Each structure stands twice: as C-alpha cells, then as structure tokens.
C-alpha cells in the first residue's frame, strides 16, 4: 500500500474525548495498518464505551490497558510486550474549574505523569516519535487583537494551564537534553462527539434539551477559537507523519466566537432540531449570567499558519457545520449521555476493569 504506516502506537488517555476520536480516526485510515494500545486510568471522564465501535470493527488492532500514566513499571512492561514505536500523549486532567478547586491531581497527572512517560520513551529501542498534545491556554490571555504563535511566551493563568505549560517544557527539554524525537501541538478549544458533559458545548446542549438554565460566566464576551475534533485528529496525524522533531505546531479552527455567541447558536439549533420547550419558548430565554470564574482568560486565538504551510493541513469544518453535527450526535446518543452521567458509572468501571 502506498505510504502505508504499520507503527505500534501507544495512546495515553484514549478513552477521553479527543483521544477516543483520534483512535477512531486513525484506525479508519486505509494507509494505517498498525496497532493502537490505549492506556487510560478510566477516571470520571474516561469512557471505554466511547470506543465500543472500534473494538467491534478492528478487533486485535486495538487494545485497552487500564493503567495510570504514573505507573512506570506497568507502562514499561506494556511497552516492551507491545513493541511500541510511537507515543501520542493525550492523558491529562483538563477541566479549568476542577483545577481551581483541586489542583493536586493536575500536578500529579499532567506534570509527573508526563515525566514518567518521557522516561519510558528514552528506554524504548524502537521509538520514532513522542507527540505531546497540549493547549492554547498555556499562552495566557490575548488582547482584542493578534494571535498566539509558536513563539508566544507562556503565561498560564490557572492551575490547569500551568500544569500543561510545565509538561510542555519537560517535553521540549527532553528533546534538547536527550535528543528524544518529540513534537508538541497546542490546540484551541475542541468540540464534537463523545465530549464529557461538564464542558461548555455539551453542557449547554444537554441543559437546553432539558429546559434547564444555561449558565454563562461573567458577561459572556470571552473569546475562544473553536476546533472540530475530527479536524484536530487529522492535524495530529499530519504532525506524526511529517512534523519535524523538536517542533511545536499550533492547531486552530479559525473560528473565533464569544462564549455567549456559542451558547446562542446552540439554543437556535436545539430549537430547530429538538422537541420544543413547553409553550414553544425559545431556548435563548434559558441563558443565565453567573459570577465569572477566577483568572478567566479574556481571549484566545490561534495562528495555525505554520501547520498549514509545512504540512498542508487545513480545518475542514466551519463552526456552523461542526456544531450542527455535534448537536445532532447528542440528540442521537442519549444512552451514552445517560451512562456517563450516571452515579453508578465509576462502580461499573471498577467492576469491569478493577483499579489501576
């Protein structure tokens, strides 16, 4: 097969939102003939049922290993058994609000866990790449104009973004110090199928469906660049196949919107696609402004020109097209939503997979 790719890839956090979409994306590519080993601790946002279709379609080409990325011995044994060629590191505590209340888990997973993986990577005889998936939040807050580039100084403003900034620096240092073949991607806000309901877009979809209030922080004028998750997966694939070791690539959707505008578009789509509220009330009436989050960055915007120029990647979806697909997915997957929201979910995980 022309340009076939037969790597054994270790994906961390593959039962999470972006990780599960990436695994599905890569195994669907005809040129990829290798295997994926998914390492996931299956915490509250890791759902193995998000990959049930992958298990059915790809069988032995996919394996789930229930491990914490801080378990150095377990990871070493797994990597040796599976003859790992490449690591794609998604696993992270990622919710800003949770990091404000409980920052310890973010330091442990995002910094210590990344260090454990880098130490593992140094010992793998077949390793061709360690790719670290990061966030635009490491750059801090932009003014009303300009864009984050790969040269923008880091200025994180939450425990979450600080922990990701630290992990980025570790990855870069392992390249400079040990010659580890690393790449880093810093992406804008993702959205799409299988997104855990605590995040803005799925929370607004599900609350809007139920006729519940739609809480918007502050004045709702915080600006984010939105990236459809499938476009992000394609970008990571492009970096893995053609990115230069030691380089960072910003990944953005060229979709800058205020949080309020995002919520209003969700309301309008739900009014169009979902059963009406009692009395036919418009869902924009559910919007409720609440006290702003501490350290809430005002604006993020990504310049993804380097990725476009060097690797030929471009986002396919507009925000309008991606959001419509996302809303439709949640309307069609009520069982998945109910399952991840169930209080019995973690008990089920422990019964099925044990404790990592």
Protein backbone atom coordinates (compact mmCIF):
# COMPACT_ATOMS: atom_id res chain seq x y z
CA UNK A 1 0.00 0.00 0.00
CA UNK A 2 1.39 3.41 -0.96
CA UNK A 3 2.56 5.38 2.09
CA UNK A 4 1.41 2.57 4.36
CA UNK A 5 2.14 3.01 8.04
CA UNK A 6 2.49 -0.02 10.32
CA UNK A 7 3.54 1.53 13.64
CA UNK A 8 2.61 0.16 17.05
CA UNK A 9 1.23 3.29 18.74
CA UNK A 10 0.77 3.83 22.47
CA UNK A 11 -2.03 6.37 23.01
CA UNK A 12 -2.49 7.74 26.52
CA UNK A 13 -5.93 8.92 27.61
CA UNK A 14 -7.58 7.25 24.64
CA UNK A 15 -10.93 6.84 26.39
CA UNK A 16 -11.26 10.60 26.77
CA UNK A 17 -12.86 12.99 24.34
CA UNK A 18 -10.05 13.82 21.91
CA UNK A 19 -8.17 10.55 22.44
CA UNK A 20 -11.14 8.36 21.55
CA UNK A 21 -11.83 10.41 18.44
CA UNK A 22 -8.16 10.15 17.43
CA UNK A 23 -8.10 6.37 17.81
CA UNK A 24 -11.26 6.08 15.72
CA UNK A 25 -9.84 8.47 13.12
CA UNK A 26 -6.50 6.71 12.73
CA UNK A 27 -7.85 3.16 12.57
CA UNK A 28 -10.23 4.29 9.82
CA UNK A 29 -7.34 5.43 7.60
CA UNK A 30 -6.57 2.83 4.88
CA UNK A 31 -2.84 3.63 4.99
CA UNK A 32 -2.60 2.86 8.72
CA UNK A 33 -2.02 -0.87 9.08
CA UNK A 34 -0.57 -0.88 12.60
CA UNK A 35 -1.99 -1.33 16.10
CA UNK A 36 -3.07 1.04 18.85
CA UNK A 37 -2.61 0.34 22.54
CA UNK A 38 -4.76 2.67 24.62
CA UNK A 39 -3.52 3.42 28.15
CA UNK A 40 -6.23 5.00 30.28
CA UNK A 41 -6.79 5.25 34.03
CA UNK A 42 -10.56 5.45 33.38
CA UNK A 43 -11.20 8.36 35.70
CA UNK A 44 -14.54 10.19 35.59
CA UNK A 45 -14.06 11.48 32.01
CA UNK A 46 -12.62 8.27 30.52
CA UNK A 47 -15.31 6.10 28.98
CA UNK A 48 -14.40 2.76 27.32
CA UNK A 49 -17.88 2.64 25.77
CA UNK A 50 -16.83 5.60 23.60
CA UNK A 51 -14.73 3.05 21.69
CA UNK A 52 -17.19 0.14 21.56
CA UNK A 53 -17.50 0.57 17.79
CA UNK A 54 -13.70 0.48 17.44
CA UNK A 55 -13.50 -2.81 19.33
CA UNK A 56 -16.19 -4.30 17.07
CA UNK A 57 -14.63 -3.03 13.84
CA UNK A 58 -10.92 -3.50 14.45
CA UNK A 59 -10.57 -6.35 16.96
CA UNK A 60 -6.93 -7.27 17.55
CA UNK A 61 -5.64 -3.98 16.15
CA UNK A 62 -6.87 -2.20 19.28
CA UNK A 63 -6.14 -2.93 22.94
CA UNK A 64 -7.22 -1.10 26.10
CA UNK A 65 -4.78 -1.25 29.02
CA UNK A 66 -6.20 0.04 32.30
CA UNK A 67 -3.15 1.85 33.68
CA UNK A 68 -2.27 5.14 35.31
CA UNK A 69 0.43 7.04 33.39
CA UNK A 70 2.29 7.47 36.69
CA UNK A 71 2.73 3.66 36.90
CA UNK A 72 6.26 3.43 35.50
CA UNK A 73 6.66 -0.33 35.93
CA UNK A 74 3.30 -1.14 34.38
CA UNK A 75 3.96 1.11 31.40
CA UNK A 76 7.44 -0.36 30.85
CA UNK A 77 6.10 -3.90 30.82
CA UNK A 78 3.29 -2.98 28.44
CA UNK A 79 5.56 -1.07 26.05
CA UNK A 80 8.00 -3.97 25.89
CA UNK A 81 5.23 -6.50 25.30
CA UNK A 82 3.69 -4.42 22.52
CA UNK A 83 7.00 -3.30 20.88
CA UNK A 84 5.88 0.33 20.88
CA UNK A 85 7.19 2.56 18.08
CA UNK A 86 5.41 5.80 18.86
CA UNK A 87 3.67 7.54 21.77
CA UNK A 88 0.79 10.01 21.44
CA UNK A 89 0.15 11.62 24.82
CA UNK A 90 -3.39 12.92 25.42
CA UNK A 91 -3.87 11.88 29.05
CA UNK A 92 -4.47 14.90 31.27
CA UNK A 93 -6.70 16.43 33.86
CA UNK A 94 -8.28 19.12 31.70
CA UNK A 95 -11.16 21.00 33.33
CA UNK A 96 -10.17 24.50 34.47
CA UNK A 97 -12.89 24.74 37.14
CA UNK A 98 -11.75 21.46 38.70
CA UNK A 99 -8.13 22.69 38.71
CA UNK A 100 -9.14 25.75 40.73
CA UNK A 101 -10.81 23.62 43.40
CA UNK A 102 -8.42 20.61 43.39
CA UNK A 103 -5.08 21.42 41.74
CA UNK A 104 -3.14 18.46 43.21
CA UNK A 105 -4.47 15.97 40.65
CA UNK A 106 -3.43 18.29 37.83
CA UNK A 107 0.14 18.48 39.05
CA UNK A 108 0.31 14.72 39.52
CA UNK A 109 -1.20 13.65 36.20
CA UNK A 110 -0.14 16.45 33.89
CA UNK A 111 3.41 17.03 35.16
CA UNK A 112 4.52 13.87 36.96
CA UNK A 113 2.67 11.61 34.51
CA UNK A 114 4.30 13.30 31.52
CA UNK A 115 7.71 12.92 33.14
CA UNK A 116 7.12 9.19 33.68
CA UNK A 117 6.18 8.79 30.02
CA UNK A 118 9.24 10.70 28.84
CA UNK A 119 11.48 8.48 30.96
CA UNK A 120 9.78 5.47 29.41
CA UNK A 121 10.26 6.88 25.91
CA UNK A 122 14.02 7.24 26.46
CA UNK A 123 14.28 3.49 27.05
CA UNK A 124 12.26 2.31 24.05
CA UNK A 125 14.62 0.96 21.37
CA UNK A 126 12.09 1.35 18.54
CA UNK A 127 10.75 4.81 19.40
CA UNK A 128 10.41 7.13 16.41
CA UNK A 129 8.27 9.87 17.96
CA UNK A 130 6.80 11.16 21.22
CA UNK A 131 3.94 13.52 20.45
CA UNK A 132 2.56 15.67 23.27
CA UNK A 133 -0.93 17.13 22.93
CA UNK A 134 -1.26 20.46 24.71
CA UNK A 135 -3.48 23.54 24.79
CA UNK A 136 -3.52 27.20 23.77
CA UNK A 137 -4.25 28.08 27.40
CA UNK A 138 -0.52 27.89 28.18
CA UNK A 139 -0.12 31.26 26.41
CA UNK A 140 -2.43 33.13 28.77
CA UNK A 141 -4.87 35.79 27.65
CA UNK A 142 -4.77 37.86 24.44
CA UNK A 143 -5.91 41.43 23.98
CA UNK A 144 -8.62 42.28 21.43
CA UNK A 145 -6.20 41.78 18.51
CA UNK A 146 -3.41 39.42 17.50
CA UNK A 147 -2.91 35.66 17.61
CA UNK A 148 -0.93 33.08 19.55
CA UNK A 149 2.01 31.78 17.52
CA UNK A 150 4.54 29.07 18.31
CA UNK A 151 6.85 31.84 19.58
CA UNK A 152 4.34 33.42 22.00
CA UNK A 153 5.76 33.44 25.58
CA UNK A 154 3.96 31.25 28.06
CA UNK A 155 1.81 32.98 30.68
CA UNK A 156 -0.63 30.44 32.16
CA UNK A 157 -3.34 31.78 34.45
CA UNK A 158 -4.93 28.68 36.01
CA UNK A 159 -3.56 25.58 37.75
CA UNK A 160 -4.66 23.59 34.69
CA UNK A 161 -2.82 25.73 32.15
CA UNK A 162 0.22 26.00 34.44
CA UNK A 163 0.43 22.21 34.67
CA UNK A 164 0.19 21.89 30.88
CA UNK A 165 2.85 24.58 30.43
CA UNK A 166 5.15 22.65 32.75
CA UNK A 167 4.58 19.43 30.80
CA UNK A 168 5.31 21.24 27.52
CA UNK A 169 8.62 22.46 28.95
CA UNK A 170 9.53 18.95 30.08
CA UNK A 171 8.86 17.53 26.61
CA UNK A 172 10.94 20.25 24.96
CA UNK A 173 13.76 19.74 27.48
CA UNK A 174 13.90 16.01 26.78
CA UNK A 175 14.47 16.80 23.12
CA UNK A 176 17.20 19.35 23.84
CA UNK A 177 18.90 17.30 26.57
CA UNK A 178 18.49 13.70 25.45
CA UNK A 179 17.70 14.02 21.74
CA UNK A 180 14.26 12.46 22.20
CA UNK A 181 12.29 12.81 18.91
CA UNK A 182 9.38 14.89 20.21
CA UNK A 183 6.70 17.11 18.73
CA UNK A 184 4.17 19.27 20.57
CA UNK A 185 0.80 20.58 19.43
CA UNK A 186 -1.06 23.39 21.17
CA UNK A 187 -4.70 23.38 20.12
CA UNK A 188 -7.67 25.66 20.57
CA UNK A 189 -10.97 24.61 22.16
CA UNK A 190 -12.22 21.30 20.75
CA UNK A 191 -15.84 20.23 20.37
CA UNK A 192 -17.65 17.30 18.81
CA UNK A 193 -18.92 13.78 19.63
CA UNK A 194 -18.10 11.99 22.89
CA UNK A 195 -17.34 15.23 24.78
CA UNK A 196 -17.81 14.85 28.54
CA UNK A 197 -20.88 16.84 29.68
CA UNK A 198 -19.04 19.20 32.06
CA UNK A 199 -17.54 21.21 29.16
CA UNK A 200 -19.27 24.26 27.70
CA UNK A 201 -20.79 22.96 24.47
CA UNK A 202 -22.11 19.57 25.66
CA UNK A 203 -23.32 21.11 28.93
CA UNK A 204 -25.31 23.73 27.04
CA UNK A 205 -26.73 21.14 24.63
CA UNK A 206 -27.90 18.86 27.42
CA UNK A 207 -29.22 21.62 29.67
CA UNK A 208 -31.01 23.15 26.70
CA UNK A 209 -32.63 19.83 25.86
CA UNK A 210 -33.87 19.52 29.45
CA UNK A 211 -35.07 23.12 29.67
CA UNK A 212 -32.55 23.89 32.44
CA UNK A 213 -30.70 27.20 32.91
CA UNK A 214 -27.69 27.81 30.65
CA UNK A 215 -25.03 29.35 32.93
CA UNK A 216 -22.69 31.80 31.19
CA UNK A 217 -19.70 33.19 33.09
CA UNK A 218 -19.48 36.97 33.52
CA UNK A 219 -20.72 38.93 30.52
CA UNK A 220 -20.17 36.03 28.11
CA UNK A 221 -17.79 38.08 25.96
CA UNK A 222 -14.77 35.81 26.48
CA UNK A 223 -13.49 34.85 23.02
CA UNK A 224 -12.33 31.36 22.07
CA UNK A 225 -11.19 29.77 18.81
CA UNK A 226 -13.18 26.57 18.22
CA UNK A 227 -11.81 23.46 16.51
CA UNK A 228 -13.94 20.49 15.46
CA UNK A 229 -12.37 17.38 16.99
CA UNK A 230 -12.05 15.48 13.69
CA UNK A 231 -10.02 18.37 12.26
CA UNK A 232 -7.77 18.18 15.32
CA UNK A 233 -7.27 14.43 14.83
CA UNK A 234 -6.28 14.99 11.21
CA UNK A 235 -3.78 17.64 12.35
CA UNK A 236 -2.15 15.25 14.83
CA UNK A 237 -1.90 12.59 12.14
CA UNK A 238 -0.20 15.11 9.84
CA UNK A 239 2.29 16.05 12.58
CA UNK A 240 3.08 12.40 13.32
CA UNK A 241 3.74 11.66 9.67
CA UNK A 242 5.53 14.84 8.62
CA UNK A 243 6.28 17.07 11.60
CA UNK A 244 9.88 17.94 12.37
CA UNK A 245 11.28 16.55 15.65
CA UNK A 246 11.68 19.24 18.27
CA UNK A 247 9.00 21.47 16.73
CA UNK A 248 5.75 22.86 18.12
CA UNK A 249 2.66 23.26 15.94
CA UNK A 250 -0.37 25.39 16.84
CA UNK A 251 -3.71 23.90 15.77
CA UNK A 252 -6.71 26.19 15.40
CA UNK A 253 -10.09 26.21 13.71
CA UNK A 254 -10.17 29.85 12.56
CA UNK A 255 -13.50 30.12 14.38
CA UNK A 256 -13.32 32.95 16.91
CA UNK A 257 -16.55 33.41 18.85
CA UNK A 258 -17.64 34.80 22.20
CA UNK A 259 -18.95 32.27 24.69
CA UNK A 260 -22.33 33.98 24.54
CA UNK A 261 -22.47 33.64 20.74
CA UNK A 262 -21.67 29.92 21.06
CA UNK A 263 -24.49 29.40 23.56
CA UNK A 264 -26.93 31.37 21.39
CA UNK A 265 -26.10 29.22 18.34
CA UNK A 266 -26.67 26.07 20.39
CA UNK A 267 -30.04 27.42 21.51
CA UNK A 268 -31.09 28.12 17.94
CA UNK A 269 -30.01 24.67 16.72
CA UNK A 270 -31.87 22.95 19.55
CA UNK A 271 -34.99 24.97 18.74
CA UNK A 272 -34.66 23.73 15.15
CA UNK A 273 -33.66 20.09 15.73
CA UNK A 274 -35.01 19.05 19.14
CA UNK A 275 -38.51 18.79 20.60
CA UNK A 276 -39.79 22.25 21.60
CA UNK A 277 -39.85 23.52 25.14
CA UNK A 278 -43.24 23.76 26.88
CA UNK A 279 -45.22 26.54 25.27
CA UNK A 280 -42.76 26.74 22.41
CA UNK A 281 -40.44 29.07 24.33
CA UNK A 282 -37.13 29.94 22.66
CA UNK A 283 -34.14 28.42 24.44
CA UNK A 284 -32.23 31.71 24.45
CA UNK A 285 -34.52 32.56 27.34
CA UNK A 286 -32.71 29.93 29.42
CA UNK A 287 -29.40 31.85 29.35
CA UNK A 288 -28.39 32.90 32.88
CA UNK A 289 -25.29 35.02 33.56
CA UNK A 290 -23.35 33.87 36.63
CA UNK A 291 -20.32 35.13 38.58
CA UNK A 292 -17.16 34.95 36.48
CA UNK A 293 -14.52 32.30 37.07
CA UNK A 294 -11.29 33.40 38.89
CA UNK A 295 -8.45 34.08 36.45
CA UNK A 296 -10.76 33.69 33.44
CA UNK A 297 -8.74 34.47 30.30
CA UNK A 298 -10.49 37.01 28.08
CA UNK A 299 -9.44 35.89 24.61
CA UNK A 300 -7.62 33.06 22.87
CA UNK A 301 -6.90 33.00 19.14
CA UNK A 302 -4.56 30.65 17.29
CA UNK A 303 -2.35 31.31 14.27
CA UNK A 304 -2.12 27.84 12.69
CA UNK A 305 -0.22 29.06 9.61
CA UNK A 306 2.91 27.00 10.37
CA UNK A 307 0.92 23.76 10.34
CA UNK A 308 -0.84 24.79 7.13
CA UNK A 309 2.36 25.84 5.33
CA UNK A 310 4.61 22.98 6.38
CA UNK A 311 2.22 20.02 6.47
CA UNK A 312 -0.66 21.08 4.22
CA UNK A 313 -3.30 20.71 6.93
CA UNK A 314 -6.41 22.91 6.91
CA UNK A 315 -9.56 22.71 9.06
CA UNK A 316 -12.47 21.24 7.10
CA UNK A 317 -15.40 22.25 9.31
CA UNK A 318 -16.72 25.72 9.95
CA UNK A 319 -18.13 26.30 13.40
CA UNK A 320 -21.64 26.20 11.97
CA UNK A 321 -21.17 22.86 10.22
CA UNK A 322 -19.30 21.28 13.13
CA UNK A 323 -21.78 22.48 15.73
CA UNK A 324 -24.74 21.13 13.76
CA UNK A 325 -23.06 17.71 13.59
CA UNK A 326 -22.31 17.88 17.30
CA UNK A 327 -25.85 18.76 18.36
CA UNK A 328 -27.23 16.03 16.11
CA UNK A 329 -24.82 13.49 17.64
CA UNK A 330 -26.02 14.26 21.18
CA UNK A 331 -29.63 14.01 20.08
CA UNK A 332 -28.92 10.55 18.65
CA UNK A 333 -26.83 9.23 21.59
CA UNK A 334 -28.99 9.70 24.68
CA UNK A 335 -27.85 6.33 26.04
CA UNK A 336 -24.17 7.37 26.03
CA UNK A 337 -25.03 10.61 27.81
CA UNK A 338 -27.11 8.86 30.44
CA UNK A 339 -24.36 6.33 31.03
CA UNK A 340 -21.55 8.85 31.62
CA UNK A 341 -23.80 10.96 33.84
CA UNK A 342 -24.90 8.00 35.94
CA UNK A 343 -23.75 7.90 39.54
CA UNK A 344 -23.18 4.16 39.06
CA UNK A 345 -20.65 4.72 36.25
CA UNK A 346 -17.47 4.53 38.37
CA UNK A 347 -18.79 1.45 40.17
CA UNK A 348 -19.29 -0.16 36.76
CA UNK A 349 -15.72 0.78 35.74
CA UNK A 350 -14.30 -0.84 38.86
CA UNK A 351 -16.36 -3.98 38.29
CA UNK A 352 -15.28 -4.29 34.66
CA UNK A 353 -11.66 -3.12 34.86
CA UNK A 354 -10.58 -3.00 38.50
CA UNK A 355 -8.49 -0.16 39.95
CA UNK A 356 -5.32 0.89 38.08
